[in-house]
């Protein structure tokens, strides 16, 4: 019986690793940042970031994204009057991106009403909507850059070779000006969401 118990315990560990069932608390948080248009790491491989780099002080580029819930085109450059918290992920179907999105939706509840929380990836709108429903995270927006990657290119956040978006957080003020950027140097690490939450609340101002 003891051997069976050990076997089951080992099997559960192997299964959790194979399926990526790692808790958010065990995932490394990276507080550093690289510049859009530079490069990020995936393990020991360096991957260039393609496109025209965005920077703090610039307005968001005019690019069409697709809203996962309505399938309508959305241009974030035209959205004024509310702070935008852009949580940019490679794919919601990976464990780190899932953790980042849960972080935004659950720990970011203090932003609700003051800040528009938006997840952007190159997943299809259908995949984003499925994720939102299954994760019960339907109170945040999901926008897809699946068609051509124009958003990634316009921000300098399109990862060469993978052709996915670099893991990052971008905050846009009520006038549509970028005020904060963190591009995570290692794709497998979480961004510093708490720092971004604090900065977003500062930008939103008092109630």
Protein backbone atom coordinates (compact mmCIF):
# COMPACT_ATOMS: atom_id res chain seq x y z
CA UNK A 1 0.00 0.00 0.00
CA UNK A 2 2.85 2.34 0.82
CA UNK A 3 4.40 1.78 -2.62
CA UNK A 4 1.04 2.46 -4.27
CA UNK A 5 0.70 5.71 -2.31
CA UNK A 6 4.17 6.85 -3.36
CA UNK A 7 3.42 5.93 -6.98
CA UNK A 8 0.18 7.97 -6.94
CA UNK A 9 1.94 10.98 -5.38
CA UNK A 10 4.69 10.89 -7.99
CA UNK A 11 2.14 10.46 -10.76
CA UNK A 12 0.22 13.52 -9.54
CA UNK A 13 3.39 15.63 -9.55
CA UNK A 14 4.28 14.49 -13.06
CA UNK A 15 0.72 15.15 -14.23
CA UNK A 16 0.72 18.66 -12.74
CA UNK A 17 3.98 19.47 -14.48
CA UNK A 18 2.83 17.99 -17.79
CA UNK A 19 -0.47 19.89 -17.72
CA UNK A 20 1.08 23.11 -16.46
CA UNK A 21 -1.01 23.08 -13.26
CA UNK A 22 1.37 25.38 -11.42
CA UNK A 23 -0.07 27.85 -8.96
CA UNK A 24 0.37 31.58 -9.52
CA UNK A 25 2.21 31.84 -6.20
CA UNK A 26 5.03 29.62 -7.52
CA UNK A 27 5.50 31.55 -10.75
CA UNK A 28 8.37 34.05 -10.89
CA UNK A 29 7.41 37.73 -11.05
CA UNK A 30 9.76 39.82 -13.15
CA UNK A 31 9.99 43.46 -12.08
CA UNK A 32 12.40 44.42 -14.84
CA UNK A 33 11.40 45.61 -18.29
CA UNK A 34 12.84 45.80 -21.78
CA UNK A 35 11.99 48.33 -24.43
CA UNK A 36 9.34 47.62 -27.05
CA UNK A 37 11.08 46.85 -30.33
CA UNK A 38 14.08 45.25 -28.59
CA UNK A 39 14.11 41.54 -27.61
CA UNK A 40 12.83 39.11 -25.00
CA UNK A 41 14.02 35.72 -23.84
CA UNK A 42 12.28 32.36 -24.03
CA UNK A 43 14.52 30.22 -21.89
CA UNK A 44 17.99 30.62 -23.40
CA UNK A 45 16.71 31.83 -26.78
CA UNK A 46 16.58 35.53 -27.62
CA UNK A 47 13.60 36.64 -29.71
CA UNK A 48 13.39 40.00 -31.41
CA UNK A 49 10.36 42.23 -31.00
CA UNK A 50 9.09 43.39 -34.37
CA UNK A 51 7.42 46.67 -35.26
CA UNK A 52 7.52 50.35 -34.38
CA UNK A 53 8.20 50.68 -30.64
CA UNK A 54 5.67 52.52 -28.51
CA UNK A 55 6.99 54.65 -25.65
CA UNK A 56 5.70 56.53 -22.64
CA UNK A 57 4.26 59.88 -23.69
CA UNK A 58 3.01 58.68 -27.07
CA UNK A 59 -0.62 58.10 -27.97
CA UNK A 60 -1.84 54.62 -28.77
CA UNK A 61 -1.62 53.81 -32.49
CA UNK A 62 -4.86 53.50 -34.43
CA UNK A 63 -5.24 49.75 -34.98
CA UNK A 64 -8.26 47.49 -35.36
CA UNK A 65 -8.71 44.73 -32.79
CA UNK A 66 -11.67 42.35 -32.51
CA UNK A 67 -13.86 42.23 -29.41
CA UNK A 68 -14.23 38.58 -28.40
CA UNK A 69 -17.75 39.02 -27.06
CA UNK A 70 -19.27 41.05 -29.90
CA UNK A 71 -16.95 40.25 -32.84
CA UNK A 72 -16.92 43.98 -33.57
CA UNK A 73 -13.80 45.92 -34.51
CA UNK A 74 -12.33 48.07 -31.75
CA UNK A 75 -9.80 50.90 -32.03
CA UNK A 76 -8.46 51.69 -28.56
CA UNK A 77 -6.90 54.95 -29.73
CA UNK A 78 -10.41 56.40 -29.88
CA UNK A 79 -11.37 55.46 -26.33
CA UNK A 80 -10.97 58.48 -24.08
CA UNK A 81 -12.22 59.37 -20.61
CA UNK A 82 -11.13 56.24 -18.77
CA UNK A 83 -7.75 54.74 -17.88
CA UNK A 84 -6.99 51.63 -19.95
CA UNK A 85 -5.10 48.73 -18.36
CA UNK A 86 -3.79 46.60 -21.22
CA UNK A 87 -2.70 43.14 -20.08
CA UNK A 88 -0.95 41.75 -23.16
CA UNK A 89 -0.28 38.01 -23.28
CA UNK A 90 1.05 35.48 -25.83
CA UNK A 91 -1.95 33.13 -25.42
CA UNK A 92 -4.67 32.64 -22.81
CA UNK A 93 -4.25 28.88 -23.29
CA UNK A 94 -0.87 28.81 -21.54
CA UNK A 95 -0.44 28.56 -17.79
CA UNK A 96 1.45 31.85 -17.25
CA UNK A 97 -0.99 33.82 -19.40
CA UNK A 98 -3.87 32.17 -17.57
CA UNK A 99 -2.34 33.20 -14.25
CA UNK A 100 -1.78 36.76 -15.47
CA UNK A 101 -5.40 37.02 -16.61
CA UNK A 102 -6.73 35.60 -13.34
CA UNK A 103 -4.55 38.13 -11.53
CA UNK A 104 -6.07 40.96 -13.57
CA UNK A 105 -9.62 39.72 -13.11
CA UNK A 106 -9.47 38.74 -9.45
CA UNK A 107 -6.82 40.85 -7.72
CA UNK A 108 -7.63 43.77 -9.99
CA UNK A 109 -11.19 44.12 -8.69
CA UNK A 110 -10.15 47.32 -6.93
CA UNK A 111 -9.77 48.88 -10.38
CA UNK A 112 -13.35 48.10 -11.44
CA UNK A 113 -15.32 51.22 -12.30
CA UNK A 114 -12.19 53.37 -12.47
CA UNK A 115 -10.05 51.50 -14.97
CA UNK A 116 -10.97 49.52 -18.09
CA UNK A 117 -9.25 46.13 -17.77
CA UNK A 118 -8.42 44.62 -21.16
CA UNK A 119 -6.69 41.39 -22.17
CA UNK A 120 -5.06 41.42 -25.62
CA UNK A 121 -3.62 38.38 -27.38
CA UNK A 122 -3.39 36.77 -30.81
CA UNK A 123 -5.79 34.02 -29.79
CA UNK A 124 -8.93 33.87 -31.88
CA UNK A 125 -11.94 35.67 -30.37
CA UNK A 126 -13.59 32.26 -29.96
CA UNK A 127 -10.69 30.98 -27.84
CA UNK A 128 -10.75 34.14 -25.73
CA UNK A 129 -14.48 33.86 -25.15
CA UNK A 130 -14.21 30.18 -24.22
CA UNK A 131 -11.46 31.04 -21.75
CA UNK A 132 -13.50 33.87 -20.22
CA UNK A 133 -16.53 31.63 -19.75
CA UNK A 134 -14.59 28.68 -18.34
CA UNK A 135 -12.52 30.87 -16.00
CA UNK A 136 -15.59 32.91 -14.98
CA UNK A 137 -13.70 36.09 -15.85
CA UNK A 138 -16.31 37.82 -17.98
CA UNK A 139 -16.12 41.23 -16.28
CA UNK A 140 -12.96 42.17 -18.20
CA UNK A 141 -12.62 42.80 -21.93
CA UNK A 142 -10.87 40.50 -24.39
CA UNK A 143 -9.53 41.90 -27.64
CA UNK A 144 -7.93 39.80 -30.35
CA UNK A 145 -5.08 40.69 -32.70
CA UNK A 146 -5.48 37.38 -34.52
CA UNK A 147 -5.91 38.60 -38.09
CA UNK A 148 -2.59 40.17 -39.01
CA UNK A 149 -0.80 41.08 -35.79
CA UNK A 150 -1.10 44.77 -36.65
CA UNK A 151 -1.49 45.77 -33.00
CA UNK A 152 1.70 43.93 -32.07
CA UNK A 153 3.62 45.55 -34.92
CA UNK A 154 2.24 49.01 -34.13
CA UNK A 155 3.46 48.65 -30.52
CA UNK A 156 6.80 46.93 -31.14
CA UNK A 157 5.50 43.90 -29.24
CA UNK A 158 5.24 41.21 -31.91
CA UNK A 159 7.62 38.36 -31.05
CA UNK A 160 9.66 37.21 -34.02
CA UNK A 161 9.52 33.50 -34.87
CA UNK A 162 6.56 32.85 -32.52
CA UNK A 163 4.49 35.68 -34.05
CA UNK A 164 2.74 36.11 -30.70
CA UNK A 165 2.53 39.20 -28.50
CA UNK A 166 5.19 39.81 -25.88
CA UNK A 167 4.02 39.56 -22.29
CA UNK A 168 3.54 43.11 -21.14
CA UNK A 169 1.41 45.67 -19.35
CA UNK A 170 0.60 49.06 -20.87
CA UNK A 171 -1.36 51.79 -19.08
CA UNK A 172 -3.08 54.54 -21.04
CA UNK A 173 -4.44 57.68 -19.39
CA UNK A 174 -7.84 59.28 -19.92
CA UNK A 175 -6.49 61.33 -22.84
CA UNK A 176 -5.20 58.28 -24.69
CA UNK A 177 -1.53 58.80 -23.81
CA UNK A 178 0.67 55.87 -22.75
CA UNK A 179 1.89 56.45 -19.20
CA UNK A 180 3.38 53.10 -18.16
CA UNK A 181 4.97 50.15 -19.94
CA UNK A 182 6.44 46.91 -18.67
CA UNK A 183 7.63 44.41 -21.25
CA UNK A 184 8.63 41.29 -19.33
CA UNK A 185 12.19 40.27 -20.31
CA UNK A 186 11.44 36.53 -19.96
CA UNK A 187 8.26 35.26 -21.64
CA UNK A 188 7.73 32.65 -18.92
CA UNK A 189 7.60 35.18 -16.07
CA UNK A 190 4.67 37.21 -14.77
CA UNK A 191 4.74 41.02 -14.93
CA UNK A 192 4.66 43.13 -11.77
CA UNK A 193 0.87 43.42 -11.66
CA UNK A 194 0.75 45.05 -8.22
CA UNK A 195 2.95 47.93 -9.36
CA UNK A 196 0.75 48.36 -12.43
CA UNK A 197 -2.41 48.32 -10.28
CA UNK A 198 -1.00 51.10 -8.10
CA UNK A 199 -0.01 53.18 -11.12
CA UNK A 200 -3.43 52.67 -12.72
CA UNK A 201 -5.18 53.92 -9.58
CA UNK A 202 -2.93 56.98 -9.57
CA UNK A 203 -3.85 57.72 -13.16
CA UNK A 204 -7.55 57.24 -12.44
CA UNK A 205 -7.42 59.80 -9.64
CA UNK A 206 -9.79 60.18 -6.70
CA UNK A 207 -13.39 58.96 -6.84
